């Protein structure tokens, strides 16, 4: 169904369909969904008619930019196949596992990724190695890096396959 036939559009906006509906249809066709949803929201707020055109356009562009960044992050996180939902901000340094707060802050900056270094997390069973790895992976995704989480046996298998 074209946007111009959408019954959810308020009566006020059906009075002037020539200006808004083709624009909405075009935004949707161009997959500018952030701008599309922002424009729909602006159309629902009567006070937006008093906002200058440049500001309204700026709000629409900001919304599109944010929506695209969110979609890219969501895609990277999905493709990373992280085993757990973990983030650097949730690290509990009170737990007696010997984590260095300064080192974790440094790792959170992802300079090690830019420098093409590796991080090896070791420790006894149940101490939270996987959780820390997932937190670092999620942080790398938020910084714009592509991540893939693999357990060691799978990594070794993948490495041996690629050598031939």
N, C-alpha and C. Protein backbone atom coordinates (compact mmCIF):
# COMPACT_ATOMS: atom_id res chain seq x y z
N UNK A 1 0.85 -1.17 0.00
CA UNK A 1 0.00 0.00 0.00
C UNK A 1 0.90 1.24 0.00
N UNK A 2 0.68 2.18 -0.91
CA UNK A 2 1.47 3.40 -0.91
C UNK A 2 1.24 4.19 0.38
N UNK A 3 2.22 4.96 0.76
CA UNK A 3 2.13 5.76 1.97
C UNK A 3 0.95 6.71 1.88
N UNK A 4 0.65 7.21 0.69
CA UNK A 4 -0.42 8.19 0.52
C UNK A 4 -1.79 7.61 0.87
N UNK A 5 -1.91 6.29 0.92
CA UNK A 5 -3.17 5.65 1.28
C UNK A 5 -3.17 5.17 2.72
N UNK A 6 -2.11 5.46 3.46
CA UNK A 6 -1.96 4.99 4.83
C UNK A 6 -3.03 5.62 5.72
N UNK A 7 -3.88 4.81 6.35
CA UNK A 7 -4.95 5.36 7.19
C UNK A 7 -4.42 5.93 8.51
N UNK A 8 -3.18 5.68 8.86
CA UNK A 8 -2.66 6.18 10.13
C UNK A 8 -2.29 7.66 10.06
N UNK A 9 -2.24 8.24 8.86
CA UNK A 9 -1.94 9.66 8.71
C UNK A 9 -3.16 10.46 9.19
N UNK A 10 -2.92 11.47 9.98
CA UNK A 10 -4.04 12.23 10.56
C UNK A 10 -4.79 13.02 9.49
N UNK A 11 -6.03 13.39 9.84
CA UNK A 11 -6.89 14.11 8.93
C UNK A 11 -6.26 15.43 8.51
N UNK A 12 -5.58 16.11 9.42
CA UNK A 12 -4.94 17.38 9.11
C UNK A 12 -3.99 17.23 7.91
N UNK A 13 -3.29 16.14 7.85
CA UNK A 13 -2.31 15.96 6.79
C UNK A 13 -2.93 15.41 5.51
N UNK A 14 -4.15 14.88 5.60
CA UNK A 14 -4.82 14.43 4.38
C UNK A 14 -5.38 15.62 3.61
N UNK A 15 -5.51 16.78 4.30
CA UNK A 15 -6.01 17.97 3.63
C UNK A 15 -5.00 18.50 2.62
N UNK A 16 -3.71 18.21 2.81
CA UNK A 16 -2.67 18.71 1.93
C UNK A 16 -1.80 17.54 1.45
N UNK A 17 -2.40 16.55 0.77
CA UNK A 17 -1.63 15.36 0.39
C UNK A 17 -0.63 15.60 -0.73
N UNK A 18 -0.81 16.66 -1.51
CA UNK A 18 0.05 16.87 -2.67
C UNK A 18 1.49 17.16 -2.26
N UNK A 19 1.71 17.78 -1.10
CA UNK A 19 3.06 18.13 -0.71
C UNK A 19 3.73 17.04 0.13
N UNK A 20 3.01 16.46 1.07
CA UNK A 20 3.65 15.55 2.01
C UNK A 20 3.69 14.10 1.54
N UNK A 21 2.64 13.62 0.95
CA UNK A 21 2.60 12.20 0.61
C UNK A 21 3.60 11.79 -0.47
N UNK A 22 3.75 12.55 -1.53
CA UNK A 22 4.80 12.17 -2.49
C UNK A 22 6.19 12.20 -1.85
N UNK A 23 6.40 13.15 -0.96
CA UNK A 23 7.68 13.22 -0.26
C UNK A 23 7.87 11.98 0.61
N UNK A 24 6.83 11.59 1.33
CA UNK A 24 6.91 10.39 2.16
C UNK A 24 7.13 9.15 1.31
N UNK A 25 6.40 9.07 0.20
CA UNK A 25 6.58 7.93 -0.71
C UNK A 25 8.02 7.86 -1.23
N UNK A 26 8.57 9.02 -1.59
CA UNK A 26 9.93 9.07 -2.13
C UNK A 26 10.96 8.71 -1.06
N UNK A 27 10.78 9.25 0.15
CA UNK A 27 11.71 8.90 1.24
C UNK A 27 11.69 7.39 1.50
N UNK A 28 10.51 6.82 1.47
CA UNK A 28 10.38 5.37 1.69
C UNK A 28 11.02 4.60 0.54
N UNK A 29 10.78 5.02 -0.69
CA UNK A 29 11.34 4.34 -1.86
C UNK A 29 12.87 4.42 -1.87
N UNK A 30 13.41 5.54 -1.40
CA UNK A 30 14.86 5.72 -1.36
C UNK A 30 15.48 5.06 -0.12
N UNK A 31 14.63 4.44 0.69
CA UNK A 31 15.06 3.78 1.93
C UNK A 31 15.72 4.75 2.90
N UNK A 32 15.20 5.97 2.91
CA UNK A 32 15.62 6.96 3.90
C UNK A 32 14.63 6.89 5.06
N UNK A 33 14.63 5.74 5.73
CA UNK A 33 13.60 5.46 6.73
C UNK A 33 13.72 6.33 7.96
N UNK A 34 14.92 6.74 8.32
CA UNK A 34 15.09 7.65 9.44
C UNK A 34 14.40 8.98 9.17
N UNK A 35 14.64 9.52 7.99
CA UNK A 35 14.01 10.78 7.60
C UNK A 35 12.49 10.60 7.47
N UNK A 36 12.08 9.47 6.93
CA UNK A 36 10.67 9.17 6.76
C UNK A 36 9.95 9.22 8.11
N UNK A 37 10.48 8.48 9.10
CA UNK A 37 9.84 8.44 10.42
C UNK A 37 9.91 9.79 11.12
N UNK A 38 11.03 10.50 10.96
CA UNK A 38 11.16 11.82 11.58
C UNK A 38 10.15 12.80 10.98
N UNK A 39 9.95 12.74 9.66
CA UNK A 39 8.98 13.62 9.02
C UNK A 39 7.56 13.30 9.49
N UNK A 40 7.25 12.02 9.60
CA UNK A 40 5.93 11.64 10.13
C UNK A 40 5.73 12.21 11.53
N UNK A 41 6.76 12.11 12.37
CA UNK A 41 6.66 12.66 13.73
C UNK A 41 6.51 14.17 13.69
N UNK A 42 7.26 14.84 12.81
CA UNK A 42 7.14 16.29 12.71
C UNK A 42 5.74 16.69 12.26
N UNK A 43 5.16 15.90 11.38
CA UNK A 43 3.81 16.20 10.88
C UNK A 43 2.77 16.08 11.99
N UNK A 44 3.06 15.29 13.01
CA UNK A 44 2.12 15.11 14.12
C UNK A 44 2.24 16.24 15.16
N UNK A 45 3.30 17.06 15.05
CA UNK A 45 3.53 18.12 16.03
C UNK A 45 3.22 19.48 15.39
N UNK A 46 2.11 20.12 15.75
CA UNK A 46 1.74 21.39 15.14
C UNK A 46 2.78 22.50 15.37
N UNK A 47 3.51 22.44 16.47
CA UNK A 47 4.50 23.49 16.75
C UNK A 47 5.68 23.46 15.79
N UNK A 48 5.86 22.37 15.05
CA UNK A 48 6.97 22.27 14.09
C UNK A 48 6.80 23.21 12.91
N UNK A 49 5.58 23.70 12.66
CA UNK A 49 5.38 24.63 11.55
C UNK A 49 6.08 25.96 11.82
N UNK A 50 6.38 26.25 13.08
CA UNK A 50 7.05 27.49 13.44
C UNK A 50 8.58 27.37 13.38
N UNK A 51 9.08 26.16 13.26
CA UNK A 51 10.53 25.93 13.19
C UNK A 51 11.00 26.24 11.77
N UNK A 52 12.09 26.99 11.64
CA UNK A 52 12.59 27.31 10.29
C UNK A 52 12.91 26.05 9.48
N UNK A 53 12.78 26.17 8.18
CA UNK A 53 12.97 25.06 7.26
C UNK A 53 14.35 24.42 7.43
N UNK A 54 15.39 25.24 7.58
CA UNK A 54 16.76 24.72 7.71
C UNK A 54 16.90 23.85 8.95
N UNK A 55 16.27 24.28 10.05
CA UNK A 55 16.34 23.49 11.28
C UNK A 55 15.59 22.17 11.14
N UNK A 56 14.42 22.22 10.52
CA UNK A 56 13.65 20.99 10.31
C UNK A 56 14.43 20.02 9.42
N UNK A 57 15.04 20.56 8.36
CA UNK A 57 15.84 19.71 7.48
C UNK A 57 17.02 19.12 8.25
N UNK A 58 17.65 19.94 9.08
CA UNK A 58 18.75 19.46 9.91
C UNK A 58 18.32 18.34 10.83
N UNK A 59 17.14 18.46 11.43
CA UNK A 59 16.61 17.40 12.31
C UNK A 59 16.37 16.11 11.52
N UNK A 60 15.85 16.25 10.31
CA UNK A 60 15.60 15.07 9.48
C UNK A 60 16.90 14.38 9.10
N UNK A 61 17.91 15.16 8.72
CA UNK A 61 19.19 14.59 8.32
C UNK A 61 19.88 13.93 9.52
N UNK A 62 19.82 14.58 10.68
CA UNK A 62 20.40 13.98 11.89
C UNK A 62 19.73 12.65 12.21
N UNK A 63 18.43 12.61 12.07
CA UNK A 63 17.68 11.39 12.37
C UNK A 63 18.08 10.26 11.41
N UNK A 64 18.24 10.60 10.13
CA UNK A 64 18.65 9.60 9.15
C UNK A 64 20.06 9.09 9.46
N UNK A 65 20.94 10.00 9.78
CA UNK A 65 22.31 9.62 10.11
C UNK A 65 22.34 8.68 11.33
N UNK A 66 21.59 9.01 12.34
CA UNK A 66 21.52 8.18 13.54
C UNK A 66 20.92 6.82 13.23
N UNK A 67 19.87 6.79 12.43
CA UNK A 67 19.23 5.52 12.07
C UNK A 67 20.20 4.63 11.30
N UNK A 68 20.97 5.21 10.38
CA UNK A 68 21.93 4.42 9.61
C UNK A 68 23.05 3.88 10.51
N UNK A 69 23.55 4.72 11.41
CA UNK A 69 24.61 4.28 12.32
C UNK A 69 24.08 3.15 13.22
N UNK A 70 22.85 3.27 13.68
CA UNK A 70 22.25 2.22 14.51
C UNK A 70 22.11 0.91 13.74
N UNK A 71 21.70 1.01 12.47
CA UNK A 71 21.55 -0.21 11.66
C UNK A 71 22.90 -0.87 11.41
N UNK A 72 23.93 -0.05 11.14
CA UNK A 72 25.27 -0.62 10.92
C UNK A 72 25.77 -1.31 12.18
N UNK A 73 25.57 -0.69 13.34
CA UNK A 73 26.00 -1.31 14.60
C UNK A 73 25.24 -2.60 14.85
N UNK A 74 23.95 -2.58 14.63
CA UNK A 74 23.14 -3.79 14.83
C UNK A 74 23.62 -4.92 13.92
N UNK A 75 23.94 -4.59 12.67
CA UNK A 75 24.44 -5.59 11.72
C UNK A 75 25.79 -6.14 12.18
N UNK A 76 26.70 -5.24 12.58
CA UNK A 76 28.02 -5.70 13.04
C UNK A 76 27.89 -6.60 14.26
N UNK A 77 27.04 -6.24 15.20
CA UNK A 77 26.85 -7.06 16.41
C UNK A 77 26.26 -8.42 16.05
N UNK A 78 25.33 -8.45 15.12
CA UNK A 78 24.73 -9.72 14.71
C UNK A 78 25.77 -10.61 14.02
N UNK A 79 26.56 -10.02 13.13
CA UNK A 79 27.57 -10.79 12.40
C UNK A 79 28.73 -11.22 13.29
N UNK A 80 28.94 -10.53 14.41
CA UNK A 80 30.04 -10.87 15.33
C UNK A 80 29.79 -12.21 16.03
N UNK A 81 28.55 -12.60 16.15
CA UNK A 81 28.18 -13.85 16.81
C UNK A 81 28.76 -13.94 18.23
N UNK A 82 28.64 -12.83 18.96
CA UNK A 82 29.11 -12.81 20.34
C UNK A 82 28.22 -13.72 21.17
N UNK A 83 28.83 -14.50 22.04
CA UNK A 83 28.10 -15.49 22.83
C UNK A 83 27.28 -14.86 23.94
N UNK A 84 27.71 -13.71 24.43
CA UNK A 84 27.03 -13.08 25.56
C UNK A 84 26.86 -11.59 25.28
N UNK A 85 25.83 -11.03 25.90
CA UNK A 85 25.63 -9.58 25.83
C UNK A 85 26.45 -8.97 26.96
N UNK A 86 27.55 -8.36 26.60
CA UNK A 86 28.44 -7.78 27.59
C UNK A 86 28.98 -6.46 27.07
N UNK A 87 29.24 -5.55 27.96
CA UNK A 87 29.86 -4.28 27.53
C UNK A 87 30.89 -3.84 28.56
N UNK A 88 31.84 -3.12 28.07
CA UNK A 88 32.98 -2.67 28.87
C UNK A 88 32.51 -1.91 30.11
N UNK A 89 31.46 -1.11 29.98
CA UNK A 89 30.99 -0.30 31.09
C UNK A 89 30.47 -1.14 32.26
N UNK A 90 30.12 -2.39 31.99
CA UNK A 90 29.56 -3.25 33.04
C UNK A 90 30.60 -4.11 33.76
N UNK A 91 31.87 -3.92 33.47
CA UNK A 91 32.90 -4.72 34.13
C UNK A 91 32.92 -4.40 35.62
N UNK A 92 32.89 -5.44 36.42
CA UNK A 92 32.94 -5.30 37.88
C UNK A 92 34.38 -5.53 38.33
N UNK A 93 35.05 -4.45 38.68
CA UNK A 93 36.46 -4.55 39.08
C UNK A 93 36.60 -5.01 40.53
N UNK A 94 35.49 -5.08 41.27
CA UNK A 94 35.55 -5.56 42.66
C UNK A 94 35.72 -7.07 42.72
N UNK A 95 35.32 -7.75 41.66
CA UNK A 95 35.45 -9.21 41.61
C UNK A 95 36.94 -9.56 41.62
N UNK A 96 37.34 -10.53 42.43
CA UNK A 96 38.78 -10.84 42.57
C UNK A 96 39.34 -11.66 41.41
N UNK A 97 39.44 -11.04 40.24
CA UNK A 97 40.02 -11.77 39.12
C UNK A 97 41.27 -11.08 38.59
N UNK A 98 41.70 -10.04 39.28
CA UNK A 98 42.96 -9.41 38.94
C UNK A 98 42.94 -8.54 37.70
N UNK A 99 41.80 -7.92 37.40
CA UNK A 99 41.73 -7.05 36.23
C UNK A 99 42.34 -5.69 36.55
N UNK A 100 43.15 -5.22 35.63
CA UNK A 100 43.75 -3.90 35.75
C UNK A 100 42.83 -2.89 35.06
N UNK A 101 42.29 -1.96 35.84
CA UNK A 101 41.33 -0.99 35.31
C UNK A 101 41.94 -0.14 34.19
N UNK A 102 43.19 0.28 34.37
CA UNK A 102 43.86 1.09 33.35
C UNK A 102 44.04 0.29 32.06
N UNK A 103 44.40 -0.98 32.17
CA UNK A 103 44.57 -1.83 31.00
C UNK A 103 43.23 -2.00 30.26
N UNK A 104 42.16 -2.21 31.00
CA UNK A 104 40.85 -2.39 30.37
C UNK A 104 40.40 -1.10 29.68
N UNK A 105 40.68 0.06 30.29
CA UNK A 105 40.36 1.33 29.63
C UNK A 105 41.15 1.47 28.33
N UNK A 106 42.40 1.05 28.38
CA UNK A 106 43.24 1.11 27.19
C UNK A 106 42.71 0.18 26.10
N UNK A 107 42.33 -1.03 26.48
CA UNK A 107 41.77 -1.98 25.51
C UNK A 107 40.44 -1.47 24.94
N UNK A 108 39.66 -0.78 25.78
CA UNK A 108 38.37 -0.25 25.33
C UNK A 108 38.54 0.80 24.24
N UNK A 109 39.68 1.44 24.18
CA UNK A 109 39.94 2.43 23.14
C UNK A 109 40.20 1.81 21.78
N UNK A 110 40.40 0.51 21.72
CA UNK A 110 40.58 -0.27 20.49
C UNK A 110 41.85 0.08 19.72
N UNK A 111 42.82 0.70 20.38
CA UNK A 111 44.08 0.98 19.70
C UNK A 111 44.77 -0.34 19.33
N UNK A 112 44.57 -1.36 20.13
CA UNK A 112 45.16 -2.67 19.84
C UNK A 112 44.62 -3.23 18.52
N UNK A 113 43.39 -2.91 18.18
CA UNK A 113 42.83 -3.36 16.91
C UNK A 113 43.47 -2.58 15.76
N UNK A 114 43.55 -1.27 15.93
CA UNK A 114 44.18 -0.44 14.90
C UNK A 114 45.63 -0.84 14.66
N UNK A 115 46.32 -1.26 15.72
CA UNK A 115 47.72 -1.67 15.61
C UNK A 115 47.86 -3.13 15.17
N UNK A 116 46.74 -3.79 14.94
CA UNK A 116 46.70 -5.20 14.51
C UNK A 116 47.38 -6.14 15.51
N UNK A 117 47.12 -5.87 16.79
CA UNK A 117 47.60 -6.74 17.85
C UNK A 117 46.49 -7.69 18.28
N UNK A 118 46.85 -8.70 19.03
CA UNK A 118 45.89 -9.65 19.56
C UNK A 118 45.78 -9.49 21.07
N UNK A 119 44.69 -9.96 21.62
CA UNK A 119 44.50 -9.99 23.06
C UNK A 119 44.23 -11.43 23.43
N UNK A 120 44.99 -11.93 24.38
CA UNK A 120 44.82 -13.30 24.87
C UNK A 120 44.35 -13.20 26.31
N UNK A 121 43.18 -13.76 26.58
CA UNK A 121 42.60 -13.71 27.92
C UNK A 121 42.73 -15.10 28.52
N UNK A 122 43.44 -15.19 29.62
CA UNK A 122 43.65 -16.48 30.28
C UNK A 122 43.15 -16.40 31.72
N UNK A 123 42.89 -17.56 32.29
CA UNK A 123 42.45 -17.62 33.67
C UNK A 123 41.71 -18.91 33.94
N UNK A 124 41.38 -19.15 35.21
CA UNK A 124 40.66 -20.38 35.57
C UNK A 124 39.24 -20.40 35.02
N UNK A 125 38.66 -21.57 35.00
CA UNK A 125 37.29 -21.76 34.53
C UNK A 125 36.33 -20.93 35.35
N UNK A 126 35.39 -20.28 34.67
CA UNK A 126 34.32 -19.55 35.34
C UNK A 126 34.69 -18.16 35.80
N UNK A 127 35.84 -17.67 35.45
CA UNK A 127 36.29 -16.36 35.92
C UNK A 127 35.73 -15.22 35.07
N UNK A 128 35.24 -15.52 33.86
CA UNK A 128 34.63 -14.50 33.02
C UNK A 128 35.42 -14.15 31.78
N UNK A 129 36.22 -15.08 31.29
CA UNK A 129 37.04 -14.81 30.09
C UNK A 129 36.17 -14.57 28.87
N UNK A 130 35.17 -15.40 28.67
CA UNK A 130 34.28 -15.24 27.52
C UNK A 130 33.52 -13.93 27.62
N UNK A 131 33.07 -13.60 28.81
CA UNK A 131 32.33 -12.36 29.00
C UNK A 131 33.21 -11.16 28.66
N UNK A 132 34.46 -11.17 29.13
CA UNK A 132 35.39 -10.08 28.81
C UNK A 132 35.66 -10.00 27.31
N UNK A 133 35.82 -11.15 26.67
CA UNK A 133 36.05 -11.16 25.23
C UNK A 133 34.85 -10.58 24.50
N UNK A 134 33.65 -10.92 24.94
CA UNK A 134 32.44 -10.39 24.32
C UNK A 134 32.34 -8.88 24.56
N UNK A 135 32.73 -8.42 25.74
CA UNK A 135 32.70 -6.98 26.03
C UNK A 135 33.67 -6.24 25.12
N UNK A 136 34.86 -6.80 24.91
CA UNK A 136 35.83 -6.18 24.00
C UNK A 136 35.32 -6.22 22.56
N UNK A 137 34.69 -7.32 22.18
CA UNK A 137 34.12 -7.43 20.83
C UNK A 137 33.01 -6.43 20.60
N UNK A 138 32.15 -6.27 21.59
CA UNK A 138 31.07 -5.30 21.45
C UNK A 138 31.62 -3.89 21.35
N UNK A 139 32.64 -3.57 22.14
CA UNK A 139 33.26 -2.25 22.07
C UNK A 139 33.88 -2.00 20.70
N UNK A 140 34.53 -3.03 20.15
CA UNK A 140 35.11 -2.89 18.81
C UNK A 140 34.00 -2.65 17.78
N UNK A 141 32.87 -3.33 17.92
CA UNK A 141 31.73 -3.10 17.02
C UNK A 141 31.25 -1.66 17.14
N UNK A 142 31.15 -1.15 18.36
CA UNK A 142 30.70 0.22 18.56
C UNK A 142 31.68 1.23 17.98
N UNK A 143 32.95 0.85 17.92
CA UNK A 143 33.99 1.72 17.33
C UNK A 143 34.02 1.61 15.80
N UNK A 144 33.20 0.72 15.24
CA UNK A 144 33.11 0.60 13.79
C UNK A 144 33.89 -0.56 13.19
N UNK A 145 34.47 -1.41 14.01
CA UNK A 145 35.25 -2.55 13.52
C UNK A 145 34.35 -3.75 13.31
N UNK A 146 34.73 -4.60 12.37
CA UNK A 146 34.04 -5.86 12.15
C UNK A 146 34.65 -6.90 13.08
N UNK A 147 33.81 -7.68 13.72
CA UNK A 147 34.24 -8.64 14.73
C UNK A 147 33.66 -10.01 14.39
N UNK A 148 34.41 -11.05 14.71
CA UNK A 148 33.89 -12.41 14.62
C UNK A 148 34.38 -13.17 15.83
N UNK A 149 33.44 -13.69 16.60
CA UNK A 149 33.77 -14.42 17.81
C UNK A 149 33.80 -15.92 17.50
N UNK A 150 34.95 -16.53 17.75
CA UNK A 150 35.12 -17.97 17.54
C UNK A 150 35.81 -18.58 18.75
N UNK A 151 35.42 -19.78 19.09
CA UNK A 151 36.14 -20.52 20.12
C UNK A 151 37.42 -21.08 19.48
N UNK A 152 38.40 -21.41 20.29
CA UNK A 152 39.71 -21.83 19.79
C UNK A 152 39.63 -23.02 18.82
N UNK A 153 38.89 -24.09 19.13
CA UNK A 153 38.84 -25.21 18.17
C UNK A 153 38.32 -24.78 16.80
N UNK A 154 37.31 -23.94 16.79
CA UNK A 154 36.76 -23.47 15.51
C UNK A 154 37.77 -22.56 14.79
N UNK A 155 38.47 -21.74 15.55
CA UNK A 155 39.48 -20.86 14.96
C UNK A 155 40.59 -21.67 14.31
N UNK A 156 41.03 -22.72 14.99
CA UNK A 156 42.07 -23.58 14.43
C UNK A 156 41.58 -24.30 13.19
N UNK A 157 40.33 -24.76 13.22
CA UNK A 157 39.74 -25.41 12.06
C UNK A 157 39.65 -24.44 10.89
N UNK A 158 39.18 -23.23 11.13
CA UNK A 158 39.07 -22.22 10.08
C UNK A 158 40.45 -21.90 9.52
N UNK A 159 41.45 -21.78 10.38
CA UNK A 159 42.81 -21.48 9.94
C UNK A 159 43.39 -22.56 9.08
N UNK A 160 43.16 -23.83 9.41
CA UNK A 160 43.71 -24.93 8.62
C UNK A 160 43.01 -25.04 7.27
N UNK A 161 41.74 -24.71 7.20
CA UNK A 161 41.01 -24.75 5.94
C UNK A 161 41.52 -23.68 5.00
N UNK A 162 41.81 -22.49 5.52
CA UNK A 162 42.24 -21.37 4.69
C UNK A 162 43.67 -21.53 4.20
N UNK A 163 44.47 -22.38 4.83
CA UNK A 163 45.84 -22.57 4.40
C UNK A 163 45.94 -23.35 3.10
N UNK A 164 44.94 -24.14 2.78
CA UNK A 164 45.00 -24.98 1.58
C UNK A 164 44.35 -24.36 0.41
